Amino acid sequence: MDHSSLQELLTPVTARTDPTGYTVRVAVIPDGQRPESGDWQEAEWVTIGGLPYASLLVGPGGAVQVSRGPYRTWVEITAPPEKPVVASPTFHVT
């Protein structure tokens, strides 16, 4: 991903059941850090080929601005009584 690009960032979510009926939030954080309360952004679900992805618009004018470097997305799903938080693999912004 280029730091000047405005684009949809998709994070795949693996679950035993379809999570798309639940609220999802995403934090885009430099690698090695954990999200804090102000880092979370309301996200949307996108299904591609039957697989669920948490979707967030990232870049200039998007929900999150990123600069060059390694990042991870963190996905939080509110599925009472559970509220799982999972991190993606590292990706690089150039």
C-alpha atoms as a PDB file:
ATOM      1  CA  MET A   1       0.000   0.000   0.000  1.00  0.00           C
ATOM      2  CA  ASP A   2       1.312   3.432  -0.882  1.00  0.00           C
ATOM      3  CA  HIS A   3       1.077   6.103   1.859  1.00  0.00           C
ATOM      4  CA  SER A   4      -0.558   8.570  -0.550  1.00  0.00           C
ATOM      5  CA  SER A   5      -3.254   6.098  -1.630  1.00  0.00           C
ATOM      6  CA  LEU A   6      -6.875   6.279  -0.442  1.00  0.00           C
ATOM      7  CA  GLN A   7      -8.166   2.729  -0.516  1.00  0.00           C
ATOM      8  CA  GLU A   8     -10.254   0.086   1.144  1.00  0.00           C
ATOM      9  CA  LEU A   9      -8.139  -1.980   3.532  1.00  0.00           C
ATOM     10  CA  LEU A  10      -9.559  -5.488   3.883  1.00  0.00           C
ATOM     11  CA  THR A  11      -8.698  -7.724   6.839  1.00  0.00           C
ATOM     12  CA  PRO A  12      -9.825 -11.356   6.515  1.00  0.00           C
ATOM     13  CA  VAL A  13     -11.668 -12.794   9.519  1.00  0.00           C
ATOM     14  CA  THR A  14     -11.785 -16.514  10.289  1.00  0.00           C
ATOM     15  CA  ALA A  15     -14.702 -17.628  12.431  1.00  0.00           C
ATOM     16  CA  ARG A  16     -16.713 -20.784  13.125  1.00  0.00           C
ATOM     17  CA  THR A  17     -19.919 -18.948  12.241  1.00  0.00           C
ATOM     18  CA  ASP A  18     -20.720 -15.962  10.027  1.00  0.00           C
ATOM     19  CA  PRO A  19     -19.539 -12.850  11.940  1.00  0.00           C
ATOM     20  CA  THR A  20     -21.074 -10.301   9.549  1.00  0.00           C
ATOM     21  CA  GLY A  21     -24.162  -9.792  11.702  1.00  0.00           C
ATOM     22  CA  TYR A  22     -22.033  -8.307  14.490  1.00  0.00           C
ATOM     23  CA  THR A  23     -20.476  -4.887  14.969  1.00  0.00           C
ATOM     24  CA  VAL A  24     -16.859  -4.662  13.821  1.00  0.00           C
ATOM     25  CA  ARG A  25     -14.174  -2.068  14.538  1.00  0.00           C
ATOM     26  CA  VAL A  26     -10.661  -1.851  13.136  1.00  0.00           C
ATOM     27  CA  ALA A  27      -7.488  -0.178  14.396  1.00  0.00           C
ATOM     28  CA  VAL A  28      -4.526   0.357  12.057  1.00  0.00           C
ATOM     29  CA  ILE A  29      -1.445   0.470  14.270  1.00  0.00           C
ATOM     30  CA  PRO A  30       2.321   0.539  13.673  1.00  0.00           C
ATOM     31  CA  ASP A  31       3.740  -2.944  14.146  1.00  0.00           C
ATOM     32  CA  GLY A  32       4.855  -3.624  17.713  1.00  0.00           C
ATOM     33  CA  GLN A  33       2.136  -1.473  19.299  1.00  0.00           C
ATOM     34  CA  ARG A  34      -1.301  -2.313  20.648  1.00  0.00           C
ATOM     35  CA  PRO A  35      -4.432  -0.239  19.983  1.00  0.00           C
ATOM     36  CA  GLU A  36      -5.667   2.255  22.553  1.00  0.00           C
ATOM     37  CA  SER A  37      -9.272   3.388  22.935  1.00  0.00           C
ATOM     38  CA  GLY A  38      -8.957   6.287  20.449  1.00  0.00           C
ATOM     39  CA  ASP A  39      -7.454   4.076  17.719  1.00  0.00           C
ATOM     40  CA  TRP A  40     -10.620   2.091  16.973  1.00  0.00           C
ATOM     41  CA  GLN A  41     -12.679   2.993  13.900  1.00  0.00           C
ATOM     42  CA  GLU A  42     -16.131   1.724  12.969  1.00  0.00           C
ATOM     43  CA  ALA A  43     -15.689  -0.659  10.055  1.00  0.00           C
ATOM     44  CA  GLU A  44     -17.957  -2.528   7.679  1.00  0.00           C
ATOM     45  CA  TRP A  45     -18.189  -6.121   6.596  1.00  0.00           C
ATOM     46  CA  VAL A  46     -17.457  -7.146   3.009  1.00  0.00           C
ATOM     47  CA  THR A  47     -17.934 -10.699   1.798  1.00  0.00           C
ATOM     48  CA  ILE A  48     -15.769 -11.852  -1.104  1.00  0.00           C
ATOM     49  CA  GLY A  49     -16.016 -15.402  -2.383  1.00  0.00           C
ATOM     50  CA  GLY A  50     -18.007 -16.359   0.693  1.00  0.00           C
ATOM     51  CA  LEU A  51     -15.286 -15.135   3.086  1.00  0.00           C
ATOM     52  CA  PRO A  52     -15.811 -12.215   5.520  1.00  0.00           C
ATOM     53  CA  TYR A  53     -13.465  -9.231   5.607  1.00  0.00           C
ATOM     54  CA  ALA A  54     -13.447  -6.219   7.935  1.00  0.00           C
ATOM     55  CA  SER A  55     -13.273  -3.162   5.653  1.00  0.00           C
ATOM     56  CA  LEU A  56     -11.929   0.307   6.458  1.00  0.00           C
ATOM     57  CA  LEU A  57     -11.089   3.223   4.140  1.00  0.00           C
ATOM     58  CA  VAL A  58      -7.442   4.172   4.772  1.00  0.00           C
ATOM     59  CA  GLY A  59      -5.326   7.049   3.510  1.00  0.00           C
ATOM     60  CA  PRO A  60      -5.800  10.783   2.868  1.00  0.00           C
ATOM     61  CA  GLY A  61      -9.467  11.563   3.559  1.00  0.00           C
ATOM     62  CA  GLY A  62     -10.127   8.097   5.002  1.00  0.00           C
ATOM     63  CA  ALA A  63     -10.780   6.920   8.536  1.00  0.00           C
ATOM     64  CA  VAL A  64      -7.045   6.497   9.221  1.00  0.00           C
ATOM     65  CA  GLN A  65      -3.972   8.246   7.811  1.00  0.00           C
ATOM     66  CA  VAL A  66      -0.822   6.138   7.498  1.00  0.00           C
ATOM     67  CA  SER A  67       2.807   6.990   6.868  1.00  0.00           C
ATOM     68  CA  ARG A  68       5.590   4.739   5.635  1.00  0.00           C
ATOM     69  CA  GLY A  69       6.430   1.703   7.747  1.00  0.00           C
ATOM     70  CA  PRO A  70       5.167  -1.650   9.005  1.00  0.00           C
ATOM     71  CA  TYR A  71       1.599  -1.883  10.342  1.00  0.00           C
ATOM     72  CA  ARG A  72      -0.959  -4.377  11.610  1.00  0.00           C
ATOM     73  CA  THR A  73      -4.703  -4.148  11.637  1.00  0.00           C
ATOM     74  CA  TRP A  74      -6.515  -5.140  14.785  1.00  0.00           C
ATOM     75  CA  VAL A  75     -10.114  -6.308  14.441  1.00  0.00           C
ATOM     76  CA  GLU A  76     -12.618  -6.184  17.295  1.00  0.00           C
ATOM     77  CA  ILE A  77     -15.944  -7.975  16.914  1.00  0.00           C
ATOM     78  CA  THR A  78     -18.749  -7.360  19.381  1.00  0.00           C
ATOM     79  CA  ALA A  79     -20.556 -10.707  19.534  1.00  0.00           C
ATOM     80  CA  PRO A  80     -22.094 -10.926  23.026  1.00  0.00           C
ATOM     81  CA  PRO A  81     -21.060 -12.404  25.317  1.00  0.00           C
ATOM     82  CA  GLU A  82     -17.768 -12.506  23.410  1.00  0.00           C
ATOM     83  CA  LYS A  83     -15.660  -9.599  22.158  1.00  0.00           C
ATOM     84  CA  PRO A  84     -12.671 -11.088  20.342  1.00  0.00           C
ATOM     85  CA  VAL A  85      -9.746  -8.889  19.321  1.00  0.00           C
ATOM     86  CA  VAL A  86      -7.352 -10.300  16.714  1.00  0.00           C
ATOM     87  CA  ALA A  87      -4.304  -8.881  14.937  1.00  0.00           C
ATOM     88  CA  SER A  88      -3.456  -9.323  11.272  1.00  0.00           C
ATOM     89  CA  PRO A  89      -0.032 -10.236   9.920  1.00  0.00           C
ATOM     90  CA  THR A  90       2.299  -7.293   9.359  1.00  0.00           C
ATOM     91  CA  PHE A  91       1.908  -5.306   6.127  1.00  0.00           C
ATOM     92  CA  HIS A  92       4.056  -2.465   4.802  1.00  0.00           C
ATOM     93  CA  VAL A  93       3.112   1.050   3.730  1.00  0.00           C
ATOM     94  CA  THR A  94       5.555   2.486   1.202  1.00  0.00           C
END
